[in-house]
Amino acid sequence: MTKENIINGIKLTVGVLAALFLANLLKLEFQISAATVYVVAMLSTKKQSLKLSGTLLLAALFSLGLASILFFLLGFIWPALALYVLLFTYSMYRFDTRSAIITNMVLVLQLYTIETVAWAALFNQLLLMLIGLSLSFVINFFTIDIEAELLEYRRQAESLFRSIYRNMGKRLNNEAGADFAEDDLQDLDRLLTLARKRSYDYLHSFYLEDHDYYVEYFAMRRQQYERVAAMQKFTELKFLDQTEVRLLSSFTDRFADTSSTLTSSESNREHLEEIKHHFIYLAELPRTNIQLQNRVALHQYLYGLDHLVKLELDFINRYENRRRA
């Protein structure tokens, strides 16, 4: 993050200097405005900057045209300026383009200061806008690739899930030392929160390409985390040694080893269907209150596993369908 912040600072510095240099080279008035437009455009993400640039440019044409008409008809008096501000800001709020208010109002205030709407003055203001927007488009091509960081977050998330699943399997078997995995769950929660933010940073670091794999991936893992956190209470009982416990414990251990690759989700689903069939048609009915409590908890645990597998399958199918399209 520190390296990224330094790079962004350098990009802002270079762009501001370049904007001032170009405005001076073209001998434009109010050269600082080119740098202002550049800074505003750079404060958005790379993907958003295309839309913002178009919005600022269209708003500039509307703003300068509106101001020219009002100043020509009413003169350079404060009621004319007030009417311009009222109409322009209302239009920007009406079309949800508030980001264009500051830069365009600055350009018009400069015309108000020099008291002219001559073609040369209007062309000067448009050139200032174009310099700032063009530089933001060019310099935004230089971004840091953070995919390696996201891959590391994915590896850490899969490692934590693996640890949590194995702990759950041990707790089903009443193994000594299998305490509630609170630390792992807290670490996973923090990691997924950070990974989600950085996956959106990655998504927005492209102009046209739609790189939303990591956004969707960590969203899926977040849903799995919430399900796993809810499933912890189903492993709190002292389970009796029975076939159902062994089936679920064995599947949980297998899931711990295969969930990270996402390549065994279909076979995991089929395996779960076999376990469901056993629970519904083959398992002996509970005879005591303790057996009933065990069976209820195991049923809830089973359908929690089923939900985890379905989340993976939905994620896989979504991206397979995209590749085919």
C-alpha atoms as a PDB file:
ATOM      1  CA  MET A   1       0.000   0.000   0.000  1.00  0.00           C
ATOM      2  CA  THR A   2       2.866   2.389   0.799  1.00  0.00           C
ATOM      3  CA  LYS A   3       4.407   1.819  -2.638  1.00  0.00           C
ATOM      4  CA  GLU A   4       1.020   2.364  -4.241  1.00  0.00           C
ATOM      5  CA  ASN A   5       0.510   5.643  -2.369  1.00  0.00           C
ATOM      6  CA  ILE A   6       3.947   6.844  -3.445  1.00  0.00           C
ATOM      7  CA  ILE A   7       3.208   5.986  -7.091  1.00  0.00           C
ATOM      8  CA  ASN A   8      -0.122   7.829  -6.921  1.00  0.00           C
ATOM      9  CA  GLY A   9       1.644  10.855  -5.442  1.00  0.00           C
ATOM     10  CA  ILE A  10       4.191  10.805  -8.249  1.00  0.00           C
ATOM     11  CA  LYS A  11       1.420  10.536 -10.862  1.00  0.00           C
ATOM     12  CA  LEU A  12      -0.364  13.555  -9.396  1.00  0.00           C
ATOM     13  CA  THR A  13       2.855  15.566  -9.275  1.00  0.00           C
ATOM     14  CA  VAL A  14       3.899  14.709 -12.831  1.00  0.00           C
ATOM     15  CA  GLY A  15       0.407  15.376 -14.159  1.00  0.00           C
ATOM     16  CA  VAL A  16       0.088  18.757 -12.475  1.00  0.00           C
ATOM     17  CA  LEU A  17       3.459  19.865 -13.811  1.00  0.00           C
ATOM     18  CA  ALA A  18       2.637  18.555 -17.271  1.00  0.00           C
ATOM     19  CA  ALA A  19      -0.726  20.363 -17.275  1.00  0.00           C
ATOM     20  CA  LEU A  20       0.922  23.645 -16.317  1.00  0.00           C
ATOM     21  CA  PHE A  21       3.656  23.127 -18.932  1.00  0.00           C
ATOM     22  CA  LEU A  22       1.177  22.457 -21.752  1.00  0.00           C
ATOM     23  CA  ALA A  23      -1.067  25.354 -20.764  1.00  0.00           C
ATOM     24  CA  ASN A  24       1.960  27.639 -20.727  1.00  0.00           C
ATOM     25  CA  LEU A  25       3.205  26.239 -24.029  1.00  0.00           C
ATOM     26  CA  LEU A  26      -0.160  27.091 -25.620  1.00  0.00           C
ATOM     27  CA  LYS A  27      -0.093  30.498 -23.905  1.00  0.00           C
ATOM     28  CA  LEU A  28      -3.472  29.964 -22.270  1.00  0.00           C
ATOM     29  CA  GLU A  29      -4.987  32.149 -19.603  1.00  0.00           C
ATOM     30  CA  PHE A  30      -5.745  30.732 -16.117  1.00  0.00           C
ATOM     31  CA  GLN A  31      -3.215  27.919 -16.574  1.00  0.00           C
ATOM     32  CA  ILE A  32      -3.729  26.625 -13.035  1.00  0.00           C
ATOM     33  CA  SER A  33      -7.205  25.442 -14.055  1.00  0.00           C
ATOM     34  CA  ALA A  34      -5.715  22.744 -16.308  1.00  0.00           C
ATOM     35  CA  ALA A  35      -3.961  21.312 -13.264  1.00  0.00           C
ATOM     36  CA  THR A  36      -7.180  21.553 -11.230  1.00  0.00           C
ATOM     37  CA  VAL A  37      -9.121  19.575 -13.851  1.00  0.00           C
ATOM     38  CA  TYR A  38      -6.349  16.961 -13.913  1.00  0.00           C
ATOM     39  CA  VAL A  39      -6.407  16.506 -10.134  1.00  0.00           C
ATOM     40  CA  VAL A  40     -10.205  16.148 -10.061  1.00  0.00           C
ATOM     41  CA  ALA A  41     -10.102  13.563 -12.868  1.00  0.00           C
ATOM     42  CA  MET A  42      -7.326  11.598 -11.130  1.00  0.00           C
ATOM     43  CA  LEU A  43      -9.215  11.356  -7.846  1.00  0.00           C
ATOM     44  CA  SER A  44     -11.551   8.811  -9.480  1.00  0.00           C
ATOM     45  CA  THR A  45     -10.529   5.237 -10.242  1.00  0.00           C
ATOM     46  CA  LYS A  46      -9.145   4.321 -13.649  1.00  0.00           C
ATOM     47  CA  LYS A  47     -12.378   2.616 -14.759  1.00  0.00           C
ATOM     48  CA  GLN A  48     -14.491   5.505 -13.477  1.00  0.00           C
ATOM     49  CA  SER A  49     -12.247   8.147 -15.051  1.00  0.00           C
ATOM     50  CA  LEU A  50     -13.531   7.464 -18.578  1.00  0.00           C
ATOM     51  CA  LYS A  51     -17.100   8.192 -17.526  1.00  0.00           C
ATOM     52  CA  LEU A  52     -15.990  11.159 -15.412  1.00  0.00           C
ATOM     53  CA  SER A  53     -13.988  12.646 -18.297  1.00  0.00           C
ATOM     54  CA  GLY A  54     -16.974  12.460 -20.608  1.00  0.00           C
ATOM     55  CA  THR A  55     -19.189  13.968 -17.915  1.00  0.00           C
ATOM     56  CA  LEU A  56     -16.800  16.858 -17.275  1.00  0.00           C
ATOM     57  CA  LEU A  57     -16.430  17.617 -20.980  1.00  0.00           C
ATOM     58  CA  LEU A  58     -20.164  17.585 -21.725  1.00  0.00           C
ATOM     59  CA  ALA A  59     -20.844  19.609 -18.597  1.00  0.00           C
ATOM     60  CA  ALA A  60     -18.204  22.137 -19.713  1.00  0.00           C
ATOM     61  CA  LEU A  61     -19.966  22.652 -23.040  1.00  0.00           C
ATOM     62  CA  PHE A  62     -23.296  23.110 -21.274  1.00  0.00           C
ATOM     63  CA  SER A  63     -21.806  25.311 -18.546  1.00  0.00           C
ATOM     64  CA  LEU A  64     -19.951  27.644 -20.888  1.00  0.00           C
ATOM     65  CA  GLY A  65     -22.935  27.844 -23.220  1.00  0.00           C
ATOM     66  CA  LEU A  66     -25.339  28.667 -20.375  1.00  0.00           C
ATOM     67  CA  ALA A  67     -22.995  31.261 -18.900  1.00  0.00           C
ATOM     68  CA  SER A  68     -22.416  32.871 -22.302  1.00  0.00           C
ATOM     69  CA  ILE A  69     -26.144  33.288 -22.900  1.00  0.00           C
ATOM     70  CA  LEU A  70     -26.817  34.737 -19.440  1.00  0.00           C
ATOM     71  CA  PHE A  71     -23.843  37.093 -19.474  1.00  0.00           C
ATOM     72  CA  PHE A  72     -24.672  38.226 -23.014  1.00  0.00           C
ATOM     73  CA  LEU A  73     -28.306  38.943 -22.155  1.00  0.00           C
ATOM     74  CA  LEU A  74     -27.939  40.297 -18.604  1.00  0.00           C
ATOM     75  CA  GLY A  75     -24.344  41.483 -18.505  1.00  0.00           C
ATOM     76  CA  PHE A  76     -21.613  40.651 -16.033  1.00  0.00           C
ATOM     77  CA  ILE A  77     -23.624  41.398 -12.905  1.00  0.00           C
ATOM     78  CA  TRP A  78     -24.076  39.283  -9.824  1.00  0.00           C
ATOM     79  CA  PRO A  79     -27.761  38.435 -10.520  1.00  0.00           C
ATOM     80  CA  ALA A  80     -26.643  36.869 -13.822  1.00  0.00           C
ATOM     81  CA  LEU A  81     -23.943  34.918 -12.010  1.00  0.00           C
ATOM     82  CA  ALA A  82     -26.425  33.823  -9.325  1.00  0.00           C
ATOM     83  CA  LEU A  83     -28.874  32.645 -11.991  1.00  0.00           C
ATOM     84  CA  TYR A  84     -26.097  30.700 -13.714  1.00  0.00           C
ATOM     85  CA  VAL A  85     -25.106  28.995 -10.436  1.00  0.00           C
ATOM     86  CA  LEU A  86     -28.738  28.124  -9.702  1.00  0.00           C
ATOM     87  CA  LEU A  87     -29.480  26.678 -13.145  1.00  0.00           C
ATOM     88  CA  PHE A  88     -26.142  24.871 -13.548  1.00  0.00           C
ATOM     89  CA  THR A  89     -26.082  23.249 -10.109  1.00  0.00           C
ATOM     90  CA  TYR A  90     -29.740  22.241 -10.427  1.00  0.00           C
ATOM     91  CA  SER A  91     -28.958  20.560 -13.758  1.00  0.00           C
ATOM     92  CA  MET A  92     -25.941  18.738 -12.360  1.00  0.00           C
ATOM     93  CA  TYR A  93     -27.914  17.435  -9.372  1.00  0.00           C
ATOM     94  CA  ARG A  94     -30.820  16.567 -11.646  1.00  0.00           C
ATOM     95  CA  PHE A  95     -28.638  14.343 -13.835  1.00  0.00           C
ATOM     96  CA  ASP A  96     -26.472  13.068 -10.943  1.00  0.00           C
ATOM     97  CA  THR A  97     -23.290  14.706 -12.256  1.00  0.00           C
ATOM     98  CA  ARG A  98     -22.280  16.672  -9.157  1.00  0.00           C
ATOM     99  CA  SER A  99     -18.617  15.848  -9.793  1.00  0.00           C
ATOM    100  CA  ALA A 100     -18.695  18.368 -12.674  1.00  0.00           C
ATOM    101  CA  ILE A 101     -19.789  21.326 -10.573  1.00  0.00           C
ATOM    102  CA  ILE A 102     -16.463  22.478  -9.130  1.00  0.00           C
ATOM    103  CA  THR A 103     -14.261  22.457 -12.241  1.00  0.00           C
ATOM    104  CA  ASN A 104     -16.875  23.982 -14.546  1.00  0.00           C
ATOM    105  CA  MET A 105     -17.892  26.651 -12.084  1.00  0.00           C
ATOM    106  CA  VAL A 106     -14.246  27.675 -11.775  1.00  0.00           C
ATOM    107  CA  LEU A 107     -14.025  28.090 -15.551  1.00  0.00           C
ATOM    108  CA  VAL A 108     -17.142  30.268 -15.614  1.00  0.00           C
ATOM    109  CA  LEU A 109     -16.017  32.375 -12.647  1.00  0.00           C
ATOM    110  CA  GLN A 110     -12.859  33.143 -14.580  1.00  0.00           C
ATOM    111  CA  LEU A 111     -14.968  34.432 -17.493  1.00  0.00           C
ATOM    112  CA  TYR A 112     -16.977  36.496 -15.024  1.00  0.00           C
ATOM    113  CA  THR A 113     -13.737  37.974 -13.693  1.00  0.00           C
ATOM    114  CA  ILE A 114     -12.445  39.090 -17.107  1.00  0.00           C
ATOM    115  CA  GLU A 115     -15.979  40.042 -18.238  1.00  0.00           C
ATOM    116  CA  THR A 116     -15.965  38.462 -21.679  1.00  0.00           C
ATOM    117  CA  VAL A 117     -17.564  35.549 -23.477  1.00  0.00           C
ATOM    118  CA  ALA A 118     -15.670  36.031 -26.699  1.00  0.00           C
ATOM    119  CA  TRP A 119     -14.891  32.948 -28.759  1.00  0.00           C
ATOM    120  CA  ALA A 120     -11.217  33.150 -27.828  1.00  0.00           C
ATOM    121  CA  ALA A 121     -12.035  33.143 -24.125  1.00  0.00           C
ATOM    122  CA  LEU A 122     -14.438  30.213 -24.466  1.00  0.00           C
ATOM    123  CA  PHE A 123     -11.885  28.264 -26.519  1.00  0.00           C
ATOM    124  CA  ASN A 124      -9.262  28.988 -23.847  1.00  0.00           C
ATOM    125  CA  GLN A 125     -11.464  27.436 -21.154  1.00  0.00           C
ATOM    126  CA  LEU A 126     -12.251  24.367 -23.247  1.00  0.00           C
ATOM    127  CA  LEU A 127      -8.554  23.809 -23.930  1.00  0.00           C
ATOM    128  CA  LEU A 128      -7.826  23.946 -20.199  1.00  0.00           C
ATOM    129  CA  MET A 129     -10.450  21.247 -19.660  1.00  0.00           C
ATOM    130  CA  LEU A 130      -9.110  19.096 -22.507  1.00  0.00           C
ATOM    131  CA  ILE A 131      -5.516  19.326 -21.255  1.00  0.00           C
ATOM    132  CA  GLY A 132      -6.466  18.140 -17.778  1.00  0.00           C
ATOM    133  CA  LEU A 133      -8.681  15.302 -19.032  1.00  0.00           C
ATOM    134  CA  SER A 134      -6.223  14.119 -21.686  1.00  0.00           C
ATOM    135  CA  LEU A 135      -3.351  13.960 -19.233  1.00  0.00           C
ATOM    136  CA  SER A 136      -5.454  12.016 -16.712  1.00  0.00           C
ATOM    137  CA  PHE A 137      -6.327   9.480 -19.409  1.00  0.00           C
ATOM    138  CA  VAL A 138      -2.686   8.998 -20.436  1.00  0.00           C
ATOM    139  CA  ILE A 139      -1.140   8.907 -16.966  1.00  0.00           C
ATOM    140  CA  ASN A 140      -3.845   6.553 -15.673  1.00  0.00           C
ATOM    141  CA  PHE A 141      -2.430   3.896 -18.008  1.00  0.00           C
ATOM    142  CA  PHE A 142       0.421   3.527 -15.516  1.00  0.00           C
ATOM    143  CA  THR A 143      -1.032   1.542 -12.613  1.00  0.00           C
ATOM    144  CA  ILE A 144       0.421  -0.975 -10.181  1.00  0.00           C
ATOM    145  CA  ASP A 145      -0.627  -4.556 -10.825  1.00  0.00           C
ATOM    146  CA  ILE A 146      -1.944  -5.840  -7.482  1.00  0.00           C
ATOM    147  CA  GLU A 147      -2.981  -9.295  -8.707  1.00  0.00           C
ATOM    148  CA  ALA A 148      -0.070 -10.921  -6.849  1.00  0.00           C
ATOM    149  CA  GLU A 149      -1.394  -9.347  -3.642  1.00  0.00           C
ATOM    150  CA  LEU A 150      -4.868 -10.753  -4.315  1.00  0.00           C
ATOM    151  CA  LEU A 151      -3.447 -14.205  -5.004  1.00  0.00           C
ATOM    152  CA  GLU A 152      -1.727 -14.074  -1.625  1.00  0.00           C
ATOM    153  CA  TYR A 153      -5.000 -13.087   0.063  1.00  0.00           C
ATOM    154  CA  ARG A 154      -6.665 -16.025  -1.670  1.00  0.00           C
ATOM    155  CA  ARG A 155      -3.955 -18.395  -0.444  1.00  0.00           C
ATOM    156  CA  GLN A 156      -4.303 -17.110   3.122  1.00  0.00           C
ATOM    157  CA  ALA A 157      -8.118 -17.365   2.999  1.00  0.00           C
ATOM    158  CA  GLU A 158      -7.959 -20.954   1.748  1.00  0.00           C
ATOM    159  CA  SER A 159      -5.446 -21.853   4.466  1.00  0.00           C
ATOM    160  CA  LEU A 160      -7.719 -20.417   7.165  1.00  0.00           C
ATOM    161  CA  PHE A 161     -10.763 -22.211   5.761  1.00  0.00           C
ATOM    162  CA  ARG A 162      -8.782 -25.454   5.721  1.00  0.00           C
ATOM    163  CA  SER A 163      -7.804 -24.989   9.365  1.00  0.00           C
ATOM    164  CA  ILE A 164     -11.388 -24.162  10.381  1.00  0.00           C
ATOM    165  CA  TYR A 165     -12.857 -27.160   8.526  1.00  0.00           C
ATOM    166  CA  ARG A 166     -10.373 -29.550  10.105  1.00  0.00           C
ATOM    167  CA  ASN A 167     -11.170 -28.119  13.516  1.00  0.00           C
ATOM    168  CA  MET A 168     -14.884 -28.690  12.873  1.00  0.00           C
ATOM    169  CA  GLY A 169     -14.226 -32.309  11.888  1.00  0.00           C
ATOM    170  CA  LYS A 170     -12.272 -32.886  15.083  1.00  0.00           C
ATOM    171  CA  ARG A 171     -15.025 -31.348  17.182  1.00  0.00           C
ATOM    172  CA  LEU A 172     -17.561 -33.726  15.652  1.00  0.00           C
ATOM    173  CA  ASN A 173     -15.329 -36.581  16.799  1.00  0.00           C
ATOM    174  CA  ASN A 174     -14.915 -35.051  20.281  1.00  0.00           C
ATOM    175  CA  GLU A 175     -11.153 -35.015  19.831  1.00  0.00           C
ATOM    176  CA  ALA A 176      -9.153 -33.475  22.639  1.00  0.00           C
ATOM    177  CA  GLY A 177      -7.786 -30.008  21.973  1.00  0.00           C
ATOM    178  CA  ALA A 178     -10.346 -29.225  19.283  1.00  0.00           C
ATOM    179  CA  ASP A 179     -11.442 -25.895  20.742  1.00  0.00           C
ATOM    180  CA  PHE A 180     -13.683 -23.350  19.059  1.00  0.00           C
ATOM    181  CA  ALA A 181     -11.681 -21.796  16.165  1.00  0.00           C
ATOM    182  CA  GLU A 182     -12.377 -18.213  17.246  1.00  0.00           C
ATOM    183  CA  ASP A 183      -8.947 -16.838  16.318  1.00  0.00           C
ATOM    184  CA  ASP A 184      -9.079 -18.341  12.827  1.00  0.00           C
ATOM    185  CA  LEU A 185     -12.579 -16.980  12.266  1.00  0.00           C
ATOM    186  CA  GLN A 186     -11.554 -13.486  13.368  1.00  0.00           C
ATOM    187  CA  ASP A 187      -8.455 -13.586  11.149  1.00  0.00           C
ATOM    188  CA  LEU A 188     -10.581 -14.784   8.226  1.00  0.00           C
ATOM    189  CA  ASP A 189     -13.108 -12.001   8.771  1.00  0.00           C
ATOM    190  CA  ARG A 190     -10.394  -9.321   8.723  1.00  0.00           C
ATOM    191  CA  LEU A 191      -8.685 -10.880   5.701  1.00  0.00           C
ATOM    192  CA  LEU A 192     -11.881 -11.076   3.643  1.00  0.00           C
ATOM    193  CA  THR A 193     -12.734  -7.467   4.462  1.00  0.00           C
ATOM    194  CA  LEU A 194      -9.330  -6.299   3.214  1.00  0.00           C
ATOM    195  CA  ALA A 195      -9.409  -8.624   0.205  1.00  0.00           C
ATOM    196  CA  ARG A 196     -12.821  -7.327  -0.838  1.00  0.00           C
ATOM    197  CA  LYS A 197     -11.562  -3.726  -0.842  1.00  0.00           C
ATOM    198  CA  ARG A 198      -8.428  -4.609  -2.788  1.00  0.00           C
ATOM    199  CA  SER A 199     -10.372  -6.706  -5.294  1.00  0.00           C
ATOM    200  CA  TYR A 200     -12.448  -3.626  -6.118  1.00  0.00           C
ATOM    201  CA  ASP A 201      -9.233  -1.611  -6.458  1.00  0.00           C
ATOM    202  CA  TYR A 202      -8.067  -4.215  -8.968  1.00  0.00           C
ATOM    203  CA  LEU A 203     -11.399  -4.164 -10.816  1.00  0.00           C
ATOM    204  CA  HIS A 204     -11.230  -0.384 -11.172  1.00  0.00           C
ATOM    205  CA  SER A 205      -7.616  -0.378 -12.398  1.00  0.00           C
ATOM    206  CA  PHE A 206      -8.665  -1.193 -15.975  1.00  0.00           C
ATOM    207  CA  TYR A 207     -10.357   1.061 -18.515  1.00  0.00           C
ATOM    208  CA  LEU A 208     -12.517  -1.383 -20.434  1.00  0.00           C
ATOM    209  CA  GLU A 209     -11.723  -4.949 -19.346  1.00  0.00           C
ATOM    210  CA  ASP A 210     -14.076  -6.463 -16.791  1.00  0.00           C
ATOM    211  CA  HIS A 211     -11.758  -8.133 -14.280  1.00  0.00           C
ATOM    212  CA  ASP A 212     -14.331  -8.978 -11.604  1.00  0.00           C
ATOM    213  CA  TYR A 213     -13.108 -12.517 -10.842  1.00  0.00           C
ATOM    214  CA  TYR A 214     -11.579 -11.562  -7.516  1.00  0.00           C
ATOM    215  CA  VAL A 215     -14.586  -9.455  -6.504  1.00  0.00           C
ATOM    216  CA  GLU A 216     -16.849 -12.457  -7.073  1.00  0.00           C
ATOM    217  CA  TYR A 217     -14.383 -14.897  -5.542  1.00  0.00           C
ATOM    218  CA  PHE A 218     -14.022 -13.053  -2.253  1.00  0.00           C
ATOM    219  CA  ALA A 219     -17.777 -12.375  -2.179  1.00  0.00           C
ATOM    220  CA  MET A 220     -18.291 -16.148  -2.385  1.00  0.00           C
ATOM    221  CA  ARG A 221     -15.745 -16.740   0.366  1.00  0.00           C
ATOM    222  CA  ARG A 222     -17.462 -14.096   2.525  1.00  0.00           C
ATOM    223  CA  GLN A 223     -20.749 -15.988   2.175  1.00  0.00           C
ATOM    224  CA  GLN A 224     -18.951 -19.199   3.096  1.00  0.00           C
ATOM    225  CA  TYR A 225     -17.414 -17.503   6.122  1.00  0.00           C
ATOM    226  CA  GLU A 226     -20.845 -16.396   7.354  1.00  0.00           C
ATOM    227  CA  ARG A 227     -22.204 -19.921   6.931  1.00  0.00           C
ATOM    228  CA  VAL A 228     -19.192 -21.501   8.644  1.00  0.00           C
ATOM    229  CA  ALA A 229     -19.469 -19.057  11.558  1.00  0.00           C
ATOM    230  CA  ALA A 230     -23.140 -20.036  11.964  1.00  0.00           C
ATOM    231  CA  MET A 231     -22.281 -23.755  11.781  1.00  0.00           C
ATOM    232  CA  GLN A 232     -19.979 -23.611  14.797  1.00  0.00           C
ATOM    233  CA  LYS A 233     -22.879 -24.034  17.216  1.00  0.00           C
ATOM    234  CA  PHE A 234     -23.802 -27.356  15.569  1.00  0.00           C
ATOM    235  CA  THR A 235     -20.486 -28.881  16.709  1.00  0.00           C
ATOM    236  CA  GLU A 236     -20.775 -27.944  20.386  1.00  0.00           C
ATOM    237  CA  LEU A 237     -22.439 -31.162  21.580  1.00  0.00           C
ATOM    238  CA  LYS A 238     -20.640 -34.256  22.817  1.00  0.00           C
ATOM    239  CA  PHE A 239     -21.599 -36.441  19.895  1.00  0.00           C
ATOM    240  CA  LEU A 240     -22.172 -40.153  20.304  1.00  0.00           C
ATOM    241  CA  ASP A 241     -20.040 -42.534  18.281  1.00  0.00           C
ATOM    242  CA  GLN A 242     -22.337 -43.251  15.351  1.00  0.00           C
ATOM    243  CA  THR A 243     -22.223 -43.695  11.596  1.00  0.00           C
ATOM    244  CA  GLU A 244     -23.683 -40.246  10.907  1.00  0.00           C
ATOM    245  CA  VAL A 245     -20.915 -38.517  12.854  1.00  0.00           C
ATOM    246  CA  ARG A 246     -18.244 -40.460  11.007  1.00  0.00           C
ATOM    247  CA  LEU A 247     -19.801 -39.664   7.625  1.00  0.00           C
ATOM    248  CA  LEU A 248     -19.903 -35.925   8.295  1.00  0.00           C
ATOM    249  CA  SER A 249     -16.475 -35.848   9.921  1.00  0.00           C
ATOM    250  CA  SER A 250     -14.947 -37.706   6.965  1.00  0.00           C
ATOM    251  CA  PHE A 251     -16.612 -35.364   4.474  1.00  0.00           C
ATOM    252  CA  THR A 252     -15.468 -32.290   6.421  1.00  0.00           C
ATOM    253  CA  ASP A 253     -11.860 -33.500   6.310  1.00  0.00           C
ATOM    254  CA  ARG A 254     -12.185 -34.133   2.578  1.00  0.00           C
ATOM    255  CA  PHE A 255     -13.762 -30.730   2.047  1.00  0.00           C
ATOM    256  CA  ALA A 256     -10.867 -29.097   3.909  1.00  0.00           C
ATOM    257  CA  ASP A 257      -8.455 -30.550   1.348  1.00  0.00           C
ATOM    258  CA  THR A 258     -10.504 -29.914  -1.815  1.00  0.00           C
ATOM    259  CA  SER A 259     -12.350 -26.636  -1.221  1.00  0.00           C
ATOM    260  CA  SER A 260      -9.348 -24.460  -2.047  1.00  0.00           C
ATOM    261  CA  THR A 261      -8.993 -25.770  -5.606  1.00  0.00           C
ATOM    262  CA  LEU A 262     -12.736 -25.563  -6.445  1.00  0.00           C
ATOM    263  CA  THR A 263     -12.201 -28.500  -8.825  1.00  0.00           C
ATOM    264  CA  SER A 264     -13.926 -31.114  -6.675  1.00  0.00           C
ATOM    265  CA  SER A 265     -17.122 -29.199  -5.947  1.00  0.00           C
ATOM    266  CA  GLU A 266     -19.266 -31.392  -8.205  1.00  0.00           C
ATOM    267  CA  SER A 267     -17.963 -34.619  -6.670  1.00  0.00           C
ATOM    268  CA  ASN A 268     -18.453 -33.100  -3.213  1.00  0.00           C
ATOM    269  CA  ARG A 269     -22.065 -32.374  -4.109  1.00  0.00           C
ATOM    270  CA  GLU A 270     -22.589 -35.976  -5.213  1.00  0.00           C
ATOM    271  CA  HIS A 271     -20.975 -37.236  -2.021  1.00  0.00           C
ATOM    272  CA  LEU A 272     -23.269 -35.016   0.051  1.00  0.00           C
ATOM    273  CA  GLU A 273     -26.303 -36.389  -1.790  1.00  0.00           C
ATOM    274  CA  GLU A 274     -25.258 -39.871  -0.679  1.00  0.00           C
ATOM    275  CA  ILE A 275     -24.949 -38.674   2.907  1.00  0.00           C
ATOM    276  CA  LYS A 276     -28.373 -37.014   2.688  1.00  0.00           C
ATOM    277  CA  HIS A 277     -29.839 -40.306   1.416  1.00  0.00           C
ATOM    278  CA  HIS A 278     -28.339 -42.085   4.407  1.00  0.00           C
ATOM    279  CA  PHE A 279     -29.765 -39.544   6.854  1.00  0.00           C
ATOM    280  CA  ILE A 280     -33.243 -39.695   5.312  1.00  0.00           C
ATOM    281  CA  TYR A 281     -33.649 -43.383   4.470  1.00  0.00           C
ATOM    282  CA  LEU A 282     -30.990 -45.477   6.208  1.00  0.00           C
ATOM    283  CA  ALA A 283     -30.140 -43.935   9.569  1.00  0.00           C
ATOM    284  CA  GLU A 284     -31.785 -45.430  12.638  1.00  0.00           C
ATOM    285  CA  LEU A 285     -34.311 -43.232  14.358  1.00  0.00           C
ATOM    286  CA  PRO A 286     -33.137 -41.579  17.611  1.00  0.00           C
ATOM    287  CA  ARG A 287     -34.277 -43.463  20.703  1.00  0.00           C
ATOM    288  CA  THR A 288     -33.196 -41.131  23.465  1.00  0.00           C
ATOM    289  CA  ASN A 289     -33.250 -37.397  24.040  1.00  0.00           C
ATOM    290  CA  ILE A 290     -29.456 -37.211  23.637  1.00  0.00           C
ATOM    291  CA  GLN A 291     -29.637 -39.085  20.335  1.00  0.00           C
ATOM    292  CA  LEU A 292     -32.368 -36.721  19.157  1.00  0.00           C
ATOM    293  CA  GLN A 293     -30.267 -33.661  20.033  1.00  0.00           C
ATOM    294  CA  ASN A 294     -27.323 -35.221  18.210  1.00  0.00           C
ATOM    295  CA  ARG A 295     -29.398 -35.957  15.123  1.00  0.00           C
ATOM    296  CA  VAL A 296     -30.910 -32.458  14.936  1.00  0.00           C
ATOM    297  CA  ALA A 297     -27.470 -30.831  15.221  1.00  0.00           C
ATOM    298  CA  LEU A 298     -26.007 -33.196  12.615  1.00  0.00           C
ATOM    299  CA  HIS A 299     -28.862 -32.479  10.189  1.00  0.00           C
ATOM    300  CA  GLN A 300     -28.264 -28.751  10.521  1.00  0.00           C
ATOM    301  CA  TYR A 301     -24.541 -29.281  10.068  1.00  0.00           C
ATOM    302  CA  LEU A 302     -25.189 -31.411   6.954  1.00  0.00           C
ATOM    303  CA  TYR A 303     -27.291 -28.726   5.286  1.00  0.00           C
ATOM    304  CA  GLY A 304     -24.694 -26.127   6.230  1.00  0.00           C
ATOM    305  CA  LEU A 305     -22.128 -28.181   4.286  1.00  0.00           C
ATOM    306  CA  ASP A 306     -24.578 -28.443   1.419  1.00  0.00           C
ATOM    307  CA  HIS A 307     -24.851 -24.652   1.290  1.00  0.00           C
ATOM    308  CA  LEU A 308     -21.050 -24.279   1.273  1.00  0.00           C
ATOM    309  CA  VAL A 309     -20.744 -26.609  -1.716  1.00  0.00           C
ATOM    310  CA  LYS A 310     -23.575 -24.865  -3.585  1.00  0.00           C
ATOM    311  CA  LEU A 311     -21.833 -21.520  -3.183  1.00  0.00           C
ATOM    312  CA  GLU A 312     -18.725 -22.965  -4.845  1.00  0.00           C
ATOM    313  CA  LEU A 313     -20.732 -24.560  -7.658  1.00  0.00           C
ATOM    314  CA  ASP A 314     -22.623 -21.322  -8.348  1.00  0.00           C
ATOM    315  CA  PHE A 315     -19.323 -19.456  -8.541  1.00  0.00           C
ATOM    316  CA  ILE A 316     -17.779 -22.033 -10.899  1.00  0.00           C
ATOM    317  CA  ASN A 317     -20.829 -22.229 -13.176  1.00  0.00           C
ATOM    318  CA  ARG A 318     -21.039 -18.452 -13.415  1.00  0.00           C
ATOM    319  CA  TYR A 319     -17.508 -18.182 -14.788  1.00  0.00           C
ATOM    320  CA  GLU A 320     -17.756 -21.235 -17.030  1.00  0.00           C
ATOM    321  CA  ASN A 321     -20.837 -19.705 -18.664  1.00  0.00           C
ATOM    322  CA  ARG A 322     -18.940 -16.434 -19.200  1.00  0.00           C
ATOM    323  CA  ARG A 323     -16.075 -18.213 -20.949  1.00  0.00           C
ATOM    324  CA  ARG A 324     -18.502 -20.016 -23.254  1.00  0.00           C
ATOM    325  CA  ALA A 325     -20.240 -16.767 -24.076  1.00  0.00           C
END
